[in-house]
Protein backbone atom coordinates (compact mmCIF):
# COMPACT_ATOMS: atom_id res chain seq x y z
CA UNK A 1 0.00 0.00 0.00
CA UNK A 2 2.83 2.39 0.84
CA UNK A 3 4.43 1.78 -2.59
CA UNK A 4 1.15 2.70 -4.25
CA UNK A 5 0.89 5.89 -2.21
CA UNK A 6 4.51 6.80 -3.00
CA UNK A 7 3.95 6.20 -6.72
CA UNK A 8 0.81 8.35 -6.67
CA UNK A 9 2.61 11.16 -4.87
CA UNK A 10 5.55 11.10 -7.27
CA UNK A 11 3.20 11.25 -10.26
CA UNK A 12 1.23 14.05 -8.62
CA UNK A 13 4.48 15.94 -8.00
CA UNK A 14 5.61 15.57 -11.63
CA UNK A 15 2.24 16.70 -12.99
CA UNK A 16 1.96 19.63 -10.61
CA UNK A 17 5.49 20.81 -11.29
CA UNK A 18 4.93 20.59 -15.04
CA UNK A 19 1.59 22.39 -15.00
CA UNK A 20 2.85 24.98 -12.53
CA UNK A 21 5.89 25.63 -14.71
CA UNK A 22 3.67 26.03 -17.78
CA UNK A 23 1.15 28.23 -16.01
CA UNK A 24 3.42 30.57 -14.10
CA UNK A 25 6.82 30.61 -15.75
CA UNK A 26 6.80 29.59 -19.40
CA UNK A 27 3.55 30.08 -21.20
CA UNK A 28 1.28 32.24 -19.01
CA UNK A 29 -1.72 29.94 -19.53
CA UNK A 30 -4.01 32.50 -17.88
CA UNK A 31 -4.26 34.31 -21.19
CA UNK A 32 -6.86 36.88 -22.21
CA UNK A 33 -8.52 34.37 -24.53
CA UNK A 34 -9.63 32.39 -21.45
CA UNK A 35 -12.95 34.25 -21.58
CA UNK A 36 -14.02 31.99 -24.48
CA UNK A 37 -14.08 28.24 -23.74
CA UNK A 38 -13.14 27.13 -27.27
CA UNK A 39 -10.33 29.66 -27.51
CA UNK A 40 -9.08 28.62 -24.07
CA UNK A 41 -9.11 24.94 -25.04
CA UNK A 42 -7.29 25.63 -28.32
CA UNK A 43 -4.72 27.78 -26.54
CA UNK A 44 -4.12 25.10 -23.92
CA UNK A 45 -3.69 22.35 -26.54
CA UNK A 46 -1.18 24.51 -28.42
CA UNK A 47 0.68 25.11 -25.16
CA UNK A 48 0.86 21.34 -24.57
CA UNK A 49 2.16 20.71 -28.10
CA UNK A 50 4.67 23.53 -27.72
CA UNK A 51 5.87 22.19 -24.39
CA UNK A 52 6.37 18.68 -25.81
CA UNK A 53 8.35 20.03 -28.77
CA UNK A 54 10.39 22.29 -26.49
CA UNK A 55 11.26 19.44 -24.13
CA UNK A 56 12.23 17.15 -27.00
CA UNK A 57 14.27 19.94 -28.53
CA UNK A 58 16.04 20.91 -25.29
CA UNK A 59 16.74 17.38 -24.09
CA UNK A 60 16.97 15.81 -27.50
CA UNK A 61 19.58 14.02 -29.45
CA UNK A 62 23.32 14.31 -29.30
CA UNK A 63 23.20 15.89 -32.77
CA UNK A 64 21.44 18.94 -31.36
CA UNK A 65 23.87 19.10 -28.44
CA UNK A 66 26.82 18.86 -30.83
CA UNK A 67 25.66 21.97 -32.72
CA UNK A 68 26.94 24.13 -29.86
CA UNK A 69 24.37 26.83 -30.48
CA UNK A 70 22.41 28.74 -27.90
CA UNK A 71 18.84 27.66 -27.15
CA UNK A 72 17.64 30.82 -28.88
CA UNK A 73 19.59 30.00 -32.06
CA UNK A 74 18.27 26.43 -32.06
CA UNK A 75 14.71 27.67 -31.53
CA UNK A 76 15.04 30.21 -34.34
CA UNK A 77 16.38 27.51 -36.67
CA UNK A 78 13.52 25.17 -35.74
CA UNK A 79 10.91 27.87 -36.31
CA UNK A 80 12.44 28.73 -39.67
CA UNK A 81 12.37 25.08 -40.72
CA UNK A 82 8.66 24.86 -39.78
CA UNK A 83 7.98 27.94 -41.87
CA UNK A 84 10.00 27.05 -44.97
CA UNK A 85 10.61 23.31 -45.27
CA UNK A 86 8.38 21.30 -47.59
CA UNK A 87 7.88 17.67 -46.60
CA UNK A 88 8.80 15.14 -49.28
CA UNK A 89 7.66 11.55 -49.80
CA UNK A 90 10.96 10.45 -48.28
CA UNK A 91 10.17 12.47 -45.12
CA UNK A 92 6.81 10.73 -44.80
CA UNK A 93 8.53 7.35 -45.20
CA UNK A 94 10.87 8.22 -42.33
CA UNK A 95 7.98 9.47 -40.22
CA UNK A 96 6.10 6.19 -40.61
CA UNK A 97 8.94 4.22 -38.98
CA UNK A 98 8.72 3.77 -35.20
CA UNK A 99 11.24 5.72 -33.13
CA UNK A 100 12.30 5.73 -29.52
CA UNK A 101 13.15 8.88 -27.58
CA UNK A 102 15.36 8.62 -24.49
CA UNK A 103 16.14 11.33 -22.00
CA UNK A 104 19.49 10.94 -20.29
PDB file of N, CA and C in Angstrom:
ATOM      1  N   UNK A   1       0.822  -1.196   0.000  1.00  0.00           N
ATOM      2  CA  UNK A   1       0.000   0.000   0.000  1.00  0.00           C
ATOM      3  C   UNK A   1       0.870   1.267   0.000  1.00  0.00           C
ATOM      4  N   UNK A   2       1.950   1.216   0.765  1.00  0.00           N
ATOM      5  CA  UNK A   2       2.830   2.387   0.840  1.00  0.00           C
ATOM      6  C   UNK A   2       3.510   2.670  -0.495  1.00  0.00           C
ATOM      7  N   UNK A   3       3.845   1.591  -1.255  1.00  0.00           N
ATOM      8  CA  UNK A   3       4.425   1.779  -2.591  1.00  0.00           C
ATOM      9  C   UNK A   3       3.448   2.475  -3.520  1.00  0.00           C
ATOM     10  N   UNK A   4       2.191   2.093  -3.425  1.00  0.00           N
ATOM     11  CA  UNK A   4       1.149   2.699  -4.254  1.00  0.00           C
ATOM     12  C   UNK A   4       0.997   4.179  -3.917  1.00  0.00           C
ATOM     13  N   UNK A   5       1.002   4.487  -2.638  1.00  0.00           N
ATOM     14  CA  UNK A   5       0.886   5.888  -2.209  1.00  0.00           C
ATOM     15  C   UNK A   5       2.094   6.682  -2.685  1.00  0.00           C
ATOM     16  N   UNK A   6       3.291   6.109  -2.553  1.00  0.00           N
ATOM     17  CA  UNK A   6       4.511   6.800  -2.998  1.00  0.00           C
ATOM     18  C   UNK A   6       4.487   7.040  -4.496  1.00  0.00           C
ATOM     19  N   UNK A   7       4.031   6.036  -5.261  1.00  0.00           N
ATOM     20  CA  UNK A   7       3.946   6.195  -6.716  1.00  0.00           C
ATOM     21  C   UNK A   7       2.958   7.288  -7.078  1.00  0.00           C
ATOM     22  N   UNK A   8       1.810   7.310  -6.422  1.00  0.00           N
ATOM     23  CA  UNK A   8       0.811   8.355  -6.671  1.00  0.00           C
ATOM     24  C   UNK A   8       1.339   9.736  -6.353  1.00  0.00           C
ATOM     25  N   UNK A   9       2.046   9.854  -5.241  1.00  0.00           N
ATOM     26  CA  UNK A   9       2.613  11.158  -4.866  1.00  0.00           C
ATOM     27  C   UNK A   9       3.676  11.619  -5.850  1.00  0.00           C
ATOM     28  N   UNK A  10       4.511  10.689  -6.321  1.00  0.00           N
ATOM     29  CA  UNK A  10       5.552  11.097  -7.271  1.00  0.00           C
ATOM     30  C   UNK A  10       4.928  11.539  -8.586  1.00  0.00           C
ATOM     31  N   UNK A  11       3.880  10.836  -9.024  1.00  0.00           N
ATOM     32  CA  UNK A  11       3.199  11.245 -10.258  1.00  0.00           C
ATOM     33  C   UNK A  11       2.533  12.601 -10.063  1.00  0.00           C
ATOM     34  N   UNK A  12       1.885  12.774  -8.926  1.00  0.00           N
ATOM     35  CA  UNK A  12       1.228  14.048  -8.620  1.00  0.00           C
ATOM     36  C   UNK A  12       2.256  15.177  -8.627  1.00  0.00           C
ATOM     37  N   UNK A  13       3.427  14.928  -8.043  1.00  0.00           N
ATOM     38  CA  UNK A  13       4.484  15.944  -7.995  1.00  0.00           C
ATOM     39  C   UNK A  13       4.943  16.317  -9.401  1.00  0.00           C
ATOM     40  N   UNK A  14       5.166  15.318 -10.249  1.00  0.00           N
ATOM     41  CA  UNK A  14       5.607  15.572 -11.626  1.00  0.00           C
ATOM     42  C   UNK A  14       4.566  16.397 -12.373  1.00  0.00           C
ATOM     43  N   UNK A  15       3.300  15.982 -12.278  1.00  0.00           N
ATOM     44  CA  UNK A  15       2.240  16.698 -12.987  1.00  0.00           C
ATOM     45  C   UNK A  15       2.102  18.120 -12.472  1.00  0.00           C
ATOM     46  N   UNK A  16       2.104  18.288 -11.164  1.00  0.00           N
ATOM     47  CA  UNK A  16       1.955  19.634 -10.607  1.00  0.00           C
ATOM     48  C   UNK A  16       3.117  20.537 -10.971  1.00  0.00           C
ATOM     49  N   UNK A  17       4.337  20.005 -10.922  1.00  0.00           N
ATOM     50  CA  UNK A  17       5.492  20.813 -11.294  1.00  0.00           C
ATOM     51  C   UNK A  17       5.416  21.220 -12.756  1.00  0.00           C
ATOM     52  N   UNK A  18       5.038  20.277 -13.621  1.00  0.00           N
ATOM     53  CA  UNK A  18       4.929  20.587 -15.044  1.00  0.00           C
ATOM     54  C   UNK A  18       3.865  21.626 -15.333  1.00  0.00           C
ATOM     55  N   UNK A  19       2.670  21.427 -14.763  1.00  0.00           N
ATOM     56  CA  UNK A  19       1.588  22.385 -14.998  1.00  0.00           C
ATOM     57  C   UNK A  19       1.900  23.742 -14.368  1.00  0.00           C
ATOM     58  N   UNK A  20       2.500  23.726 -13.183  1.00  0.00           N
ATOM     59  CA  UNK A  20       2.851  24.978 -12.527  1.00  0.00           C
ATOM     60  C   UNK A  20       3.890  25.738 -13.344  1.00  0.00           C
ATOM     61  N   UNK A  21       4.864  25.011 -13.865  1.00  0.00           N
ATOM     62  CA  UNK A  21       5.890  25.634 -14.711  1.00  0.00           C
ATOM     63  C   UNK A  21       5.257  26.254 -15.962  1.00  0.00           C
ATOM     64  N   UNK A  22       4.346  25.512 -16.591  1.00  0.00           N
ATOM     65  CA  UNK A  22       3.669  26.029 -17.782  1.00  0.00           C
ATOM     66  C   UNK A  22       2.827  27.254 -17.431  1.00  0.00           C
ATOM     67  N   UNK A  23       2.092  27.171 -16.364  1.00  0.00           N
ATOM     68  CA  UNK A  23       1.148  28.231 -16.014  1.00  0.00           C
ATOM     69  C   UNK A  23       1.858  29.515 -15.586  1.00  0.00           C
ATOM     70  N   UNK A  24       2.848  29.383 -14.734  1.00  0.00           N
ATOM     71  CA  UNK A  24       3.422  30.574 -14.102  1.00  0.00           C
ATOM     72  C   UNK A  24       4.721  31.065 -14.718  1.00  0.00           C
ATOM     73  N   UNK A  25       5.501  30.189 -15.310  1.00  0.00           N
ATOM     74  CA  UNK A  25       6.824  30.610 -15.749  1.00  0.00           C
ATOM     75  C   UNK A  25       7.007  30.673 -17.256  1.00  0.00           C
ATOM     76  N   UNK A  26       6.490  29.676 -17.974  1.00  0.00           N
ATOM     77  CA  UNK A  26       6.803  29.594 -19.397  1.00  0.00           C
ATOM     78  C   UNK A  26       5.763  30.221 -20.300  1.00  0.00           C
ATOM     79  N   UNK A  27       4.520  29.785 -20.160  1.00  0.00           N
ATOM     80  CA  UNK A  27       3.551  30.079 -21.203  1.00  0.00           C
ATOM     81  C   UNK A  27       2.395  30.982 -20.766  1.00  0.00           C
ATOM     82  N   UNK A  28       2.342  31.360 -19.506  1.00  0.00           N
ATOM     83  CA  UNK A  28       1.275  32.237 -19.013  1.00  0.00           C
ATOM     84  C   UNK A  28      -0.101  31.762 -19.486  1.00  0.00           C
ATOM     85  N   UNK A  29      -0.472  30.559 -19.067  1.00  0.00           N
ATOM     86  CA  UNK A  29      -1.717  29.944 -19.526  1.00  0.00           C
ATOM     87  C   UNK A  29      -2.936  30.810 -19.222  1.00  0.00           C
ATOM     88  N   UNK A  30      -2.885  31.619 -18.170  1.00  0.00           N
ATOM     89  CA  UNK A  30      -4.007  32.497 -17.876  1.00  0.00           C
ATOM     90  C   UNK A  30      -3.987  33.663 -18.853  1.00  0.00           C
ATOM     91  N   UNK A  31      -4.332  33.372 -20.075  1.00  0.00           N
ATOM     92  CA  UNK A  31      -4.264  34.308 -21.186  1.00  0.00           C
ATOM     93  C   UNK A  31      -5.612  34.993 -21.360  1.00  0.00           C
ATOM     94  N   UNK A  32      -5.621  36.124 -22.013  1.00  0.00           N
ATOM     95  CA  UNK A  32      -6.861  36.875 -22.211  1.00  0.00           C
ATOM     96  C   UNK A  32      -7.927  36.074 -22.950  1.00  0.00           C
ATOM     97  N   UNK A  33      -7.518  35.124 -23.793  1.00  0.00           N
ATOM     98  CA  UNK A  33      -8.520  34.365 -24.527  1.00  0.00           C
ATOM     99  C   UNK A  33      -9.269  33.367 -23.645  1.00  0.00           C
ATOM    100  N   UNK A  34      -8.954  33.302 -22.359  1.00  0.00           N
ATOM    101  CA  UNK A  34      -9.625  32.388 -21.445  1.00  0.00           C
ATOM    102  C   UNK A  34     -11.084  32.756 -21.197  1.00  0.00           C
ATOM    103  N   UNK A  35     -11.552  33.867 -21.716  1.00  0.00           N
ATOM    104  CA  UNK A  35     -12.954  34.246 -21.585  1.00  0.00           C
ATOM    105  C   UNK A  35     -13.836  33.358 -22.460  1.00  0.00           C
ATOM    106  N   UNK A  36     -13.279  32.818 -23.531  1.00  0.00           N
ATOM    107  CA  UNK A  36     -14.016  31.992 -24.477  1.00  0.00           C
ATOM    108  C   UNK A  36     -13.538  30.546 -24.327  1.00  0.00           C
ATOM    109  N   UNK A  37     -14.453  29.622 -24.034  1.00  0.00           N
ATOM    110  CA  UNK A  37     -14.076  28.245 -23.742  1.00  0.00           C
ATOM    111  C   UNK A  37     -13.319  27.597 -24.907  1.00  0.00           C
ATOM    112  N   UNK A  38     -13.802  27.743 -26.115  1.00  0.00           N
ATOM    113  CA  UNK A  38     -13.143  27.135 -27.272  1.00  0.00           C
ATOM    114  C   UNK A  38     -11.759  27.719 -27.474  1.00  0.00           C
ATOM    115  N   UNK A  39     -11.641  29.021 -27.362  1.00  0.00           N
ATOM    116  CA  UNK A  39     -10.335  29.665 -27.507  1.00  0.00           C
ATOM    117  C   UNK A  39      -9.385  29.198 -26.410  1.00  0.00           C
ATOM    118  N   UNK A  40      -9.903  29.077 -25.190  1.00  0.00           N
ATOM    119  CA  UNK A  40      -9.085  28.625 -24.065  1.00  0.00           C
ATOM    120  C   UNK A  40      -8.588  27.200 -24.314  1.00  0.00           C
ATOM    121  N   UNK A  41      -9.480  26.328 -24.772  1.00  0.00           N
ATOM    122  CA  UNK A  41      -9.112  24.942 -25.035  1.00  0.00           C
ATOM    123  C   UNK A  41      -8.063  24.862 -26.149  1.00  0.00           C
ATOM    124  N   UNK A  42      -8.259  25.619 -27.225  1.00  0.00           N
ATOM    125  CA  UNK A  42      -7.286  25.631 -28.320  1.00  0.00           C
ATOM    126  C   UNK A  42      -5.933  26.145 -27.852  1.00  0.00           C
ATOM    127  N   UNK A  43      -5.963  27.215 -27.072  1.00  0.00           N
ATOM    128  CA  UNK A  43      -4.718  27.785 -26.544  1.00  0.00           C
ATOM    129  C   UNK A  43      -3.997  26.762 -25.683  1.00  0.00           C
ATOM    130  N   UNK A  44      -4.729  26.078 -24.817  1.00  0.00           N
ATOM    131  CA  UNK A  44      -4.120  25.103 -23.925  1.00  0.00           C
ATOM    132  C   UNK A  44      -3.514  23.935 -24.707  1.00  0.00           C
ATOM    133  N   UNK A  45      -4.221  23.442 -25.721  1.00  0.00           N
ATOM    134  CA  UNK A  45      -3.686  22.348 -26.536  1.00  0.00           C
ATOM    135  C   UNK A  45      -2.418  22.778 -27.273  1.00  0.00           C
ATOM    136  N   UNK A  46      -2.396  23.999 -27.771  1.00  0.00           N
ATOM    137  CA  UNK A  46      -1.182  24.508 -28.424  1.00  0.00           C
ATOM    138  C   UNK A  46      -0.028  24.622 -27.433  1.00  0.00           C
ATOM    139  N   UNK A  47      -0.346  25.034 -26.203  1.00  0.00           N
ATOM    140  CA  UNK A  47       0.681  25.113 -25.164  1.00  0.00           C
ATOM    141  C   UNK A  47       1.252  23.729 -24.895  1.00  0.00           C
ATOM    142  N   UNK A  48       0.391  22.702 -24.820  1.00  0.00           N
ATOM    143  CA  UNK A  48       0.860  21.342 -24.573  1.00  0.00           C
ATOM    144  C   UNK A  48       1.761  20.862 -25.712  1.00  0.00           C
ATOM    145  N   UNK A  49       1.351  21.103 -26.941  1.00  0.00           N
ATOM    146  CA  UNK A  49       2.157  20.710 -28.098  1.00  0.00           C
ATOM    147  C   UNK A  49       3.501  21.436 -28.075  1.00  0.00           C
ATOM    148  N   UNK A  50       3.452  22.734 -27.793  1.00  0.00           N
ATOM    149  CA  UNK A  50       4.670  23.534 -27.717  1.00  0.00           C
ATOM    150  C   UNK A  50       5.611  23.001 -26.647  1.00  0.00           C
ATOM    151  N   UNK A  51       5.050  22.665 -25.493  1.00  0.00           N
ATOM    152  CA  UNK A  51       5.872  22.186 -24.394  1.00  0.00           C
ATOM    153  C   UNK A  51       6.528  20.851 -24.738  1.00  0.00           C
ATOM    154  N   UNK A  52       5.789  19.964 -25.396  1.00  0.00           N
ATOM    155  CA  UNK A  52       6.369  18.683 -25.813  1.00  0.00           C
ATOM    156  C   UNK A  52       7.517  18.912 -26.785  1.00  0.00           C
ATOM    157  N   UNK A  53       7.298  19.752 -27.785  1.00  0.00           N
ATOM    158  CA  UNK A  53       8.349  20.033 -28.770  1.00  0.00           C
ATOM    159  C   UNK A  53       9.551  20.677 -28.097  1.00  0.00           C
ATOM    160  N   UNK A  54       9.295  21.623 -27.191  1.00  0.00           N
ATOM    161  CA  UNK A  54      10.386  22.294 -26.491  1.00  0.00           C
ATOM    162  C   UNK A  54      11.207  21.304 -25.671  1.00  0.00           C
ATOM    163  N   UNK A  55      10.529  20.415 -24.940  1.00  0.00           N
ATOM    164  CA  UNK A  55      11.259  19.439 -24.131  1.00  0.00           C
ATOM    165  C   UNK A  55      12.076  18.488 -25.004  1.00  0.00           C
ATOM    166  N   UNK A  56      11.489  18.020 -26.089  1.00  0.00           N
ATOM    167  CA  UNK A  56      12.233  17.149 -26.999  1.00  0.00           C
ATOM    168  C   UNK A  56      13.425  17.880 -27.591  1.00  0.00           C
ATOM    169  N   UNK A  57      13.213  19.139 -27.924  1.00  0.00           N
ATOM    170  CA  UNK A  57      14.267  19.944 -28.534  1.00  0.00           C
ATOM    171  C   UNK A  57      15.396  20.210 -27.535  1.00  0.00           C
ATOM    172  N   UNK A  58      15.024  20.586 -26.298  1.00  0.00           N
ATOM    173  CA  UNK A  58      16.042  20.905 -25.291  1.00  0.00           C
ATOM    174  C   UNK A  58      16.804  19.676 -24.828  1.00  0.00           C
ATOM    175  N   UNK A  59      16.108  18.566 -24.663  1.00  0.00           N
ATOM    176  CA  UNK A  59      16.737  17.379 -24.091  1.00  0.00           C
ATOM    177  C   UNK A  59      17.035  16.328 -25.142  1.00  0.00           C
ATOM    178  N   UNK A  60      16.926  16.743 -26.385  1.00  0.00           N
ATOM    179  CA  UNK A  60      16.974  15.809 -27.497  1.00  0.00           C
ATOM    180  C   UNK A  60      18.315  15.200 -27.790  1.00  0.00           C
ATOM    181  N   UNK A  61      18.473  14.855 -29.011  1.00  0.00           N
ATOM    182  CA  UNK A  61      19.582  14.019 -29.452  1.00  0.00           C
ATOM    183  C   UNK A  61      20.942  14.681 -29.300  1.00  0.00           C
ATOM    184  N   UNK A  62      21.938  13.832 -29.392  1.00  0.00           N
ATOM    185  CA  UNK A  62      23.319  14.314 -29.305  1.00  0.00           C
ATOM    186  C   UNK A  62      23.668  15.203 -30.493  1.00  0.00           C
ATOM    187  N   UNK A  63      22.952  15.036 -31.601  1.00  0.00           N
ATOM    188  CA  UNK A  63      23.200  15.887 -32.774  1.00  0.00           C
ATOM    189  C   UNK A  63      22.912  17.345 -32.418  1.00  0.00           C
ATOM    190  N   UNK A  64      21.779  17.572 -31.750  1.00  0.00           N
ATOM    191  CA  UNK A  64      21.441  18.943 -31.360  1.00  0.00           C
ATOM    192  C   UNK A  64      22.449  19.498 -30.361  1.00  0.00           C
ATOM    193  N   UNK A  65      22.892  18.650 -29.432  1.00  0.00           N
ATOM    194  CA  UNK A  65      23.871  19.097 -28.442  1.00  0.00           C
ATOM    195  C   UNK A  65      25.212  19.420 -29.106  1.00  0.00           C
ATOM    196  N   UNK A  66      25.544  18.665 -30.150  1.00  0.00           N
ATOM    197  CA  UNK A  66      26.820  18.862 -30.833  1.00  0.00           C
ATOM    198  C   UNK A  66      26.849  20.144 -31.659  1.00  0.00           C
ATOM    199  N   UNK A  67      25.693  20.737 -31.927  1.00  0.00           N
ATOM    200  CA  UNK A  67      25.657  21.965 -32.724  1.00  0.00           C
ATOM    201  C   UNK A  67      26.294  23.145 -32.010  1.00  0.00           C
ATOM    202  N   UNK A  68      26.340  23.085 -30.691  1.00  0.00           N
ATOM    203  CA  UNK A  68      26.943  24.129 -29.859  1.00  0.00           C
ATOM    204  C   UNK A  68      26.383  25.508 -30.187  1.00  0.00           C
ATOM    205  N   UNK A  69      25.061  25.559 -30.292  1.00  0.00           N
ATOM    206  CA  UNK A  69      24.369  26.827 -30.480  1.00  0.00           C
ATOM    207  C   UNK A  69      23.583  27.127 -29.219  1.00  0.00           C
ATOM    208  N   UNK A  70      23.230  28.377 -29.050  1.00  0.00           N
ATOM    209  CA  UNK A  70      22.405  28.736 -27.902  1.00  0.00           C
ATOM    210  C   UNK A  70      20.991  28.208 -28.124  1.00  0.00           C
ATOM    211  N   UNK A  71      20.232  28.116 -27.051  1.00  0.00           N
ATOM    212  CA  UNK A  71      18.844  27.660 -27.153  1.00  0.00           C
ATOM    213  C   UNK A  71      18.049  28.579 -28.070  1.00  0.00           C
ATOM    214  N   UNK A  72      18.350  29.867 -28.023  1.00  0.00           N
ATOM    215  CA  UNK A  72      17.635  30.820 -28.876  1.00  0.00           C
ATOM    216  C   UNK A  72      17.946  30.569 -30.355  1.00  0.00           C
ATOM    217  N   UNK A  73      19.218  30.294 -30.668  1.00  0.00           N
ATOM    218  CA  UNK A  73      19.589  30.002 -32.056  1.00  0.00           C
ATOM    219  C   UNK A  73      18.924  28.719 -32.548  1.00  0.00           C
ATOM    220  N   UNK A  74      18.921  27.690 -31.694  1.00  0.00           N
ATOM    221  CA  UNK A  74      18.268  26.434 -32.065  1.00  0.00           C
ATOM    222  C   UNK A  74      16.776  26.644 -32.292  1.00  0.00           C
ATOM    223  N   UNK A  75      16.152  27.401 -31.400  1.00  0.00           N
ATOM    224  CA  UNK A  75      14.714  27.669 -31.529  1.00  0.00           C
ATOM    225  C   UNK A  75      14.412  28.440 -32.805  1.00  0.00           C
ATOM    226  N   UNK A  76      15.237  29.424 -33.109  1.00  0.00           N
ATOM    227  CA  UNK A  76      15.045  30.205 -34.336  1.00  0.00           C
ATOM    228  C   UNK A  76      15.191  29.319 -35.566  1.00  0.00           C
ATOM    229  N   UNK A  77      16.183  28.431 -35.548  1.00  0.00           N
ATOM    230  CA  UNK A  77      16.377  27.509 -36.672  1.00  0.00           C
ATOM    231  C   UNK A  77      15.185  26.564 -36.817  1.00  0.00           C
ATOM    232  N   UNK A  78      14.675  26.065 -35.698  1.00  0.00           N
ATOM    233  CA  UNK A  78      13.524  25.169 -35.737  1.00  0.00           C
ATOM    234  C   UNK A  78      12.299  25.880 -36.291  1.00  0.00           C
ATOM    235  N   UNK A  79      12.048  27.092 -35.818  1.00  0.00           N
ATOM    236  CA  UNK A  79      10.914  27.873 -36.308  1.00  0.00           C
ATOM    237  C   UNK A  79      11.042  28.121 -37.806  1.00  0.00           C
ATOM    238  N   UNK A  80      12.222  28.476 -38.245  1.00  0.00           N
ATOM    239  CA  UNK A  80      12.443  28.735 -39.670  1.00  0.00           C
ATOM    240  C   UNK A  80      12.196  27.482 -40.499  1.00  0.00           C
ATOM    241  N   UNK A  81      12.605  26.320 -39.975  1.00  0.00           N
ATOM    242  CA  UNK A  81      12.365  25.077 -40.723  1.00  0.00           C
ATOM    243  C   UNK A  81      10.883  24.760 -40.798  1.00  0.00           C
ATOM    244  N   UNK A  82      10.121  25.047 -39.741  1.00  0.00           N
ATOM    245  CA  UNK A  82       8.664  24.859 -39.782  1.00  0.00           C
ATOM    246  C   UNK A  82       8.028  25.764 -40.833  1.00  0.00           C
ATOM    247  N   UNK A  83       8.560  26.963 -40.948  1.00  0.00           N
ATOM    248  CA  UNK A  83       7.984  27.937 -41.873  1.00  0.00           C
ATOM    249  C   UNK A  83       8.326  27.647 -43.331  1.00  0.00           C
ATOM    250  N   UNK A  84       9.522  27.093 -43.597  1.00  0.00           N
ATOM    251  CA  UNK A  84       9.999  27.050 -44.975  1.00  0.00           C
ATOM    252  C   UNK A  84      10.172  25.651 -45.565  1.00  0.00           C
ATOM    253  N   UNK A  85      10.306  24.643 -44.744  1.00  0.00           N
ATOM    254  CA  UNK A  85      10.606  23.309 -45.272  1.00  0.00           C
ATOM    255  C   UNK A  85       9.356  22.643 -45.819  1.00  0.00           C
ATOM    256  N   UNK A  86       9.476  22.049 -46.976  1.00  0.00           N
ATOM    257  CA  UNK A  86       8.383  21.304 -47.592  1.00  0.00           C
ATOM    258  C   UNK A  86       8.668  19.823 -47.394  1.00  0.00           C
ATOM    259  N   UNK A  87       7.693  19.088 -46.840  1.00  0.00           N
ATOM    260  CA  UNK A  87       7.877  17.669 -46.600  1.00  0.00           C
ATOM    261  C   UNK A  87       7.807  16.890 -47.909  1.00  0.00           C
ATOM    262  N   UNK A  88       8.736  15.976 -48.073  1.00  0.00           N
ATOM    263  CA  UNK A  88       8.799  15.143 -49.282  1.00  0.00           C
ATOM    264  C   UNK A  88       8.240  13.749 -48.971  1.00  0.00           C
ATOM    265  N   UNK A  89       8.088  12.936 -50.005  1.00  0.00           N
ATOM    266  CA  UNK A  89       7.657  11.548 -49.803  1.00  0.00           C
ATOM    267  C   UNK A  89       8.655  10.791 -48.930  1.00  0.00           C
ATOM    268  N   UNK A  90       9.924  11.095 -49.101  1.00  0.00           N
ATOM    269  CA  UNK A  90      10.961  10.454 -48.280  1.00  0.00           C
ATOM    270  C   UNK A  90      10.779  10.807 -46.800  1.00  0.00           C
ATOM    271  N   UNK A  91      10.428  12.065 -46.503  1.00  0.00           N
ATOM    272  CA  UNK A  91      10.174  12.472 -45.121  1.00  0.00           C
ATOM    273  C   UNK A  91       9.026  11.662 -44.519  1.00  0.00           C
ATOM    274  N   UNK A  92       7.954  11.492 -45.294  1.00  0.00           N
ATOM    275  CA  UNK A  92       6.810  10.730 -44.797  1.00  0.00           C
ATOM    276  C   UNK A  92       7.167   9.267 -44.576  1.00  0.00           C
ATOM    277  N   UNK A  93       8.064   8.728 -45.395  1.00  0.00           N
ATOM    278  CA  UNK A  93       8.533   7.352 -45.205  1.00  0.00           C
ATOM    279  C   UNK A  93       9.275   7.239 -43.885  1.00  0.00           C
ATOM    280  N   UNK A  94      10.134   8.215 -43.599  1.00  0.00           N
ATOM    281  CA  UNK A  94      10.874   8.220 -42.329  1.00  0.00           C
ATOM    282  C   UNK A  94       9.928   8.399 -41.149  1.00  0.00           C
ATOM    283  N   UNK A  95       8.920   9.217 -41.314  1.00  0.00           N
ATOM    284  CA  UNK A  95       7.977   9.472 -40.219  1.00  0.00           C
ATOM    285  C   UNK A  95       7.129   8.251 -39.892  1.00  0.00           C
ATOM    286  N   UNK A  96       6.937   7.366 -40.846  1.00  0.00           N
ATOM    287  CA  UNK A  96       6.102   6.186 -40.613  1.00  0.00           C
ATOM    288  C   UNK A  96       6.839   5.099 -39.828  1.00  0.00           C
ATOM    289  N   UNK A  97       8.170   5.209 -39.728  1.00  0.00           N
ATOM    290  CA  UNK A  97       8.945   4.220 -38.985  1.00  0.00           C
ATOM    291  C   UNK A  97       8.890   4.541 -37.495  1.00  0.00           C
ATOM    292  N   UNK A  98       8.755   3.521 -36.640  1.00  0.00           N
ATOM    293  CA  UNK A  98       8.719   3.775 -35.197  1.00  0.00           C
ATOM    294  C   UNK A  98      10.065   4.303 -34.703  1.00  0.00           C
ATOM    295  N   UNK A  99      10.010   5.182 -33.726  1.00  0.00           N
ATOM    296  CA  UNK A  99      11.236   5.719 -33.127  1.00  0.00           C
ATOM    297  C   UNK A  99      11.146   5.579 -31.614  1.00  0.00           C
ATOM    298  N   UNK A 100      12.261   5.762 -30.972  1.00  0.00           N
ATOM    299  CA  UNK A 100      12.304   5.730 -29.520  1.00  0.00           C
ATOM    300  C   UNK A 100      13.080   6.958 -29.060  1.00  0.00           C
ATOM    301  N   UNK A 101      12.517   7.690 -28.117  1.00  0.00           N
ATOM    302  CA  UNK A 101      13.153   8.882 -27.581  1.00  0.00           C
ATOM    303  C   UNK A 101      13.588   8.575 -26.156  1.00  0.00           C
ATOM    304  N   UNK A 102      14.844   8.849 -25.845  1.00  0.00           N
ATOM    305  CA  UNK A 102      15.364   8.618 -24.491  1.00  0.00           C
ATOM    306  C   UNK A 102      15.915   9.923 -23.939  1.00  0.00           C
ATOM    307  N   UNK A 103      15.615  10.170 -22.693  1.00  0.00           N
ATOM    308  CA  UNK A 103      16.142  11.331 -21.999  1.00  0.00           C
ATOM    309  C   UNK A 103      17.200  10.853 -21.016  1.00  0.00           C
ATOM    310  N   UNK A 104      18.410  11.360 -21.181  1.00  0.00           N
ATOM    311  CA  UNK A 104      19.488  10.944 -20.287  1.00  0.00           C
ATOM    312  C   UNK A 104      20.014  12.115 -19.514  1.00  0.00           C
TER     313      UNK A 104
END
